[in-house]
N, C-alpha and C. Protein backbone atom coordinates (compact mmCIF):
# COMPACT_ATOMS: atom_id res chain seq x y z
N MET A 1 -17.81 70.70 -25.19
CA MET A 1 -15.72 70.86 -25.52
C MET A 1 -15.37 70.62 -26.78
N GLN A 2 -14.14 71.04 -26.77
CA GLN A 2 -13.87 71.21 -28.09
C GLN A 2 -12.17 70.16 -28.03
N VAL A 3 -12.55 69.54 -28.79
CA VAL A 3 -11.63 68.18 -28.39
C VAL A 3 -10.82 68.68 -29.11
N GLU A 4 -9.47 69.01 -29.74
CA GLU A 4 -8.13 68.75 -30.62
C GLU A 4 -7.91 67.99 -30.71
N ARG A 5 -7.85 66.51 -30.25
CA ARG A 5 -6.21 66.01 -30.44
C ARG A 5 -7.12 64.33 -29.77
N ALA A 6 -7.86 62.96 -31.24
CA ALA A 6 -8.15 61.64 -30.04
C ALA A 6 -7.22 60.45 -30.02
N LEU A 7 -7.21 60.04 -28.78
CA LEU A 7 -6.29 58.59 -29.26
C LEU A 7 -7.05 57.86 -29.29
N LEU A 8 -6.75 56.66 -30.07
CA LEU A 8 -6.96 55.18 -29.99
C LEU A 8 -6.07 54.27 -29.80
N ALA A 9 -6.16 52.95 -29.30
CA ALA A 9 -5.45 51.94 -29.87
C ALA A 9 -5.55 50.78 -30.69
N ARG A 10 -4.11 51.27 -31.57
CA ARG A 10 -4.01 50.62 -32.84
C ARG A 10 -4.68 49.30 -32.84
N GLU A 11 -4.73 48.91 -30.91
CA GLU A 11 -5.31 47.70 -31.05
C GLU A 11 -7.26 46.99 -31.05
N ALA A 12 -7.15 48.64 -30.89
CA ALA A 12 -9.17 48.68 -31.38
C ALA A 12 -9.85 49.18 -32.69
N VAL A 13 -8.09 49.35 -33.79
CA VAL A 13 -8.16 49.31 -35.25
C VAL A 13 -7.97 47.82 -36.07
N GLU A 14 -7.83 47.48 -35.31
CA GLU A 14 -7.38 46.28 -35.50
C GLU A 14 -7.68 44.69 -35.27
N GLN A 15 -8.55 45.29 -33.85
CA GLN A 15 -9.41 43.42 -33.49
C GLN A 15 -11.21 43.93 -33.60
N LEU A 16 -11.25 45.17 -33.75
CA LEU A 16 -12.72 45.50 -32.61
C LEU A 16 -13.31 45.45 -34.50
N PRO A 17 -14.20 44.29 -34.15
CA PRO A 17 -15.63 44.29 -35.44
C PRO A 17 -16.12 46.21 -36.25
N ALA A 18 -16.20 45.42 -37.08
CA ALA A 18 -16.85 47.05 -37.99
C ALA A 18 -17.83 47.24 -37.31
N GLY A 19 -17.91 48.27 -37.68
CA GLY A 19 -19.47 49.23 -36.76
C GLY A 19 -19.67 49.40 -35.12
N THR A 20 -17.90 49.30 -34.59
CA THR A 20 -17.63 49.39 -33.52
C THR A 20 -16.90 50.68 -33.02
N LEU A 21 -16.01 51.65 -32.48
CA LEU A 21 -15.62 52.58 -32.19
C LEU A 21 -14.46 53.19 -33.24
N PRO A 22 -13.70 52.41 -33.70
CA PRO A 22 -13.24 53.38 -34.94
C PRO A 22 -14.23 53.79 -35.91
N ALA A 23 -15.57 53.40 -35.93
CA ALA A 23 -16.58 53.83 -36.94
C ALA A 23 -17.14 54.77 -36.40
N TRP A 24 -17.67 54.25 -35.10
CA TRP A 24 -18.45 55.13 -34.25
C TRP A 24 -17.07 56.57 -33.88
N CYS A 25 -15.95 57.41 -33.80
CA CYS A 25 -15.16 57.92 -34.11
C CYS A 25 -14.67 58.21 -35.48
N GLU A 26 -14.65 57.98 -36.33
CA GLU A 26 -15.91 58.37 -37.85
C GLU A 26 -16.83 59.56 -37.78
N GLY A 27 -17.54 58.75 -37.27
CA GLY A 27 -18.62 59.77 -37.26
C GLY A 27 -19.18 60.30 -36.10
N GLN A 28 -18.65 60.19 -34.95
CA GLN A 28 -18.74 61.51 -34.13
C GLN A 28 -17.47 62.73 -34.12
N LEU A 29 -16.33 62.17 -34.67
CA LEU A 29 -15.28 63.74 -33.26
C LEU A 29 -15.16 63.82 -35.16
N ALA A 30 -15.04 66.03 -35.24
CA ALA A 30 -14.98 66.51 -36.28
C ALA A 30 -12.75 66.22 -36.46
N LEU A 31 -11.74 65.02 -36.68
CA LEU A 31 -10.99 64.82 -36.74
C LEU A 31 -10.68 62.95 -36.55
N VAL A 32 -10.04 62.56 -37.41
CA VAL A 32 -9.33 61.54 -38.22
C VAL A 32 -8.03 61.30 -36.05
N PRO A 33 -8.56 60.23 -35.53
CA PRO A 33 -7.87 60.00 -33.74
C PRO A 33 -6.83 59.41 -34.30
N GLU A 34 -6.12 59.83 -34.12
CA GLU A 34 -4.77 59.49 -34.25
C GLU A 34 -4.64 57.49 -33.23
N THR A 35 -3.52 57.17 -33.58
CA THR A 35 -3.68 55.19 -32.56
C THR A 35 -2.05 55.17 -32.54
N ILE A 36 -1.74 54.65 -31.19
CA ILE A 36 -0.98 54.55 -30.71
C ILE A 36 -1.32 53.43 -29.82
N SER A 37 -0.28 52.35 -29.08
CA SER A 37 -0.84 50.67 -28.63
C SER A 37 -1.17 51.02 -26.61
N HIS A 38 -1.62 49.92 -27.57
CA HIS A 38 -2.79 49.87 -26.03
C HIS A 38 -2.20 50.55 -24.04
N GLU A 39 -0.58 49.70 -24.41
CA GLU A 39 0.46 49.54 -23.13
C GLU A 39 0.17 51.67 -22.60
N GLU A 40 0.56 52.20 -24.13
CA GLU A 40 0.71 53.11 -24.24
C GLU A 40 -0.49 54.23 -23.82
N LEU A 41 -1.61 53.93 -24.19
CA LEU A 41 -2.83 55.06 -24.04
C LEU A 41 -3.57 54.38 -22.71
N LYS A 42 -2.99 53.37 -21.52
CA LYS A 42 -3.24 53.05 -20.68
C LYS A 42 -1.66 54.24 -19.34
N ARG A 43 -0.34 54.28 -19.70
CA ARG A 43 -0.14 55.63 -19.56
C ARG A 43 -0.60 56.66 -19.20
N LEU A 44 -1.06 57.31 -20.20
CA LEU A 44 -1.43 58.51 -21.02
C LEU A 44 -2.84 58.65 -19.24
N SER A 45 -3.97 57.38 -19.69
CA SER A 45 -4.33 57.67 -18.83
C SER A 45 -5.02 57.54 -17.24
N ALA A 46 -3.68 57.85 -17.32
CA ALA A 46 -2.79 57.83 -15.47
C ALA A 46 -3.39 59.11 -14.78
N ARG A 47 -2.96 59.96 -15.86
CA ARG A 47 -2.30 61.18 -16.06
C ARG A 47 -4.60 62.17 -16.51
N ALA A 48 -5.11 61.38 -16.85
CA ALA A 48 -6.46 62.04 -16.88
C ALA A 48 -6.65 63.00 -15.74
N LYS A 49 -7.32 64.21 -15.86
CA LYS A 49 -7.92 64.75 -15.80
C LYS A 49 -9.78 63.98 -15.59
N ALA A 50 -9.75 63.71 -16.23
CA ALA A 50 -11.28 63.87 -16.45
C ALA A 50 -11.71 61.51 -16.42
N VAL A 51 -12.00 61.11 -15.89
CA VAL A 51 -12.84 59.25 -16.99
C VAL A 51 -13.78 60.19 -16.69
N VAL A 52 -14.44 59.36 -17.77
CA VAL A 52 -15.79 58.86 -18.40
C VAL A 52 -16.12 57.00 -18.51
N ARG A 53 -16.98 56.45 -16.71
CA ARG A 53 -17.36 55.17 -17.49
C ARG A 53 -17.71 54.44 -18.11
N THR A 54 -18.11 54.32 -18.88
CA THR A 54 -19.97 53.71 -19.48
C THR A 54 -20.14 52.13 -19.44
N GLY A 55 -19.68 51.31 -18.11
CA GLY A 55 -19.74 49.54 -18.28
C GLY A 55 -19.21 48.91 -19.34
N GLU A 56 -18.87 49.39 -21.43
CA GLU A 56 -17.93 48.76 -21.76
C GLU A 56 -17.53 47.93 -21.61
N CYS A 57 -17.69 46.80 -21.81
CA CYS A 57 -16.69 45.56 -21.42
C CYS A 57 -16.05 45.02 -22.71
N THR A 58 -16.22 45.33 -24.27
CA THR A 58 -15.60 44.55 -25.78
C THR A 58 -14.34 45.47 -24.96
N PRO A 59 -13.11 44.69 -24.84
CA PRO A 59 -11.84 44.88 -25.66
C PRO A 59 -11.18 46.01 -26.13
N TYR A 60 -10.15 46.86 -25.59
CA TYR A 60 -9.72 47.86 -26.32
C TYR A 60 -10.76 49.62 -26.81
N ALA A 61 -11.74 49.09 -26.11
CA ALA A 61 -12.57 50.10 -26.73
C ALA A 61 -12.38 51.69 -25.87
N ASN A 62 -11.58 52.03 -25.95
CA ASN A 62 -10.80 53.55 -24.87
C ASN A 62 -10.93 54.02 -26.04
N ILE A 63 -11.14 55.59 -25.40
CA ILE A 63 -10.77 56.64 -26.07
C ILE A 63 -10.02 57.93 -25.11
N VAL A 64 -9.27 58.66 -25.47
CA VAL A 64 -8.72 59.76 -24.76
C VAL A 64 -9.13 60.84 -26.00
N LEU A 65 -9.30 61.64 -25.26
CA LEU A 65 -10.15 63.16 -25.91
C LEU A 65 -8.94 64.04 -25.00
N CYS A 66 -8.64 65.04 -25.95
CA CYS A 66 -7.89 65.45 -25.92
C CYS A 66 -8.22 67.24 -25.46
N ALA A 67 -8.95 67.97 -24.70
CA ALA A 67 -9.73 68.92 -24.73
C ALA A 67 -9.44 69.88 -24.53
N GLY A 68 -9.17 71.94 -24.98
CA GLY A 68 -8.72 72.77 -25.43
C GLY A 68 -10.26 73.77 -25.03
N VAL A 69 -9.76 74.79 -24.46
CA VAL A 69 -10.65 75.63 -24.24
C VAL A 69 -11.54 76.11 -25.76
N THR A 70 -12.91 77.23 -25.09
CA THR A 70 -13.83 77.27 -26.55
C THR A 70 -13.52 79.12 -25.90
N PHE A 71 -14.27 79.74 -26.58
CA PHE A 71 -13.88 81.43 -26.57
C PHE A 71 -14.42 82.19 -27.26
């Protein structure tokens, strides 16, 4: 999958313990996620083409990946 852009709730960066989602992003993505409000992230997720439900129950542990195409 070609990830062009990643969006993370600002609250995740501010409230999640070290070593969780923000740290995972740094280790797994080739780009730095942009931060937006949790409300904006929920609004954008309504237009998602696909959703992966992991069962994670940590507050704000959501990420939006904007995918491109590879040729």
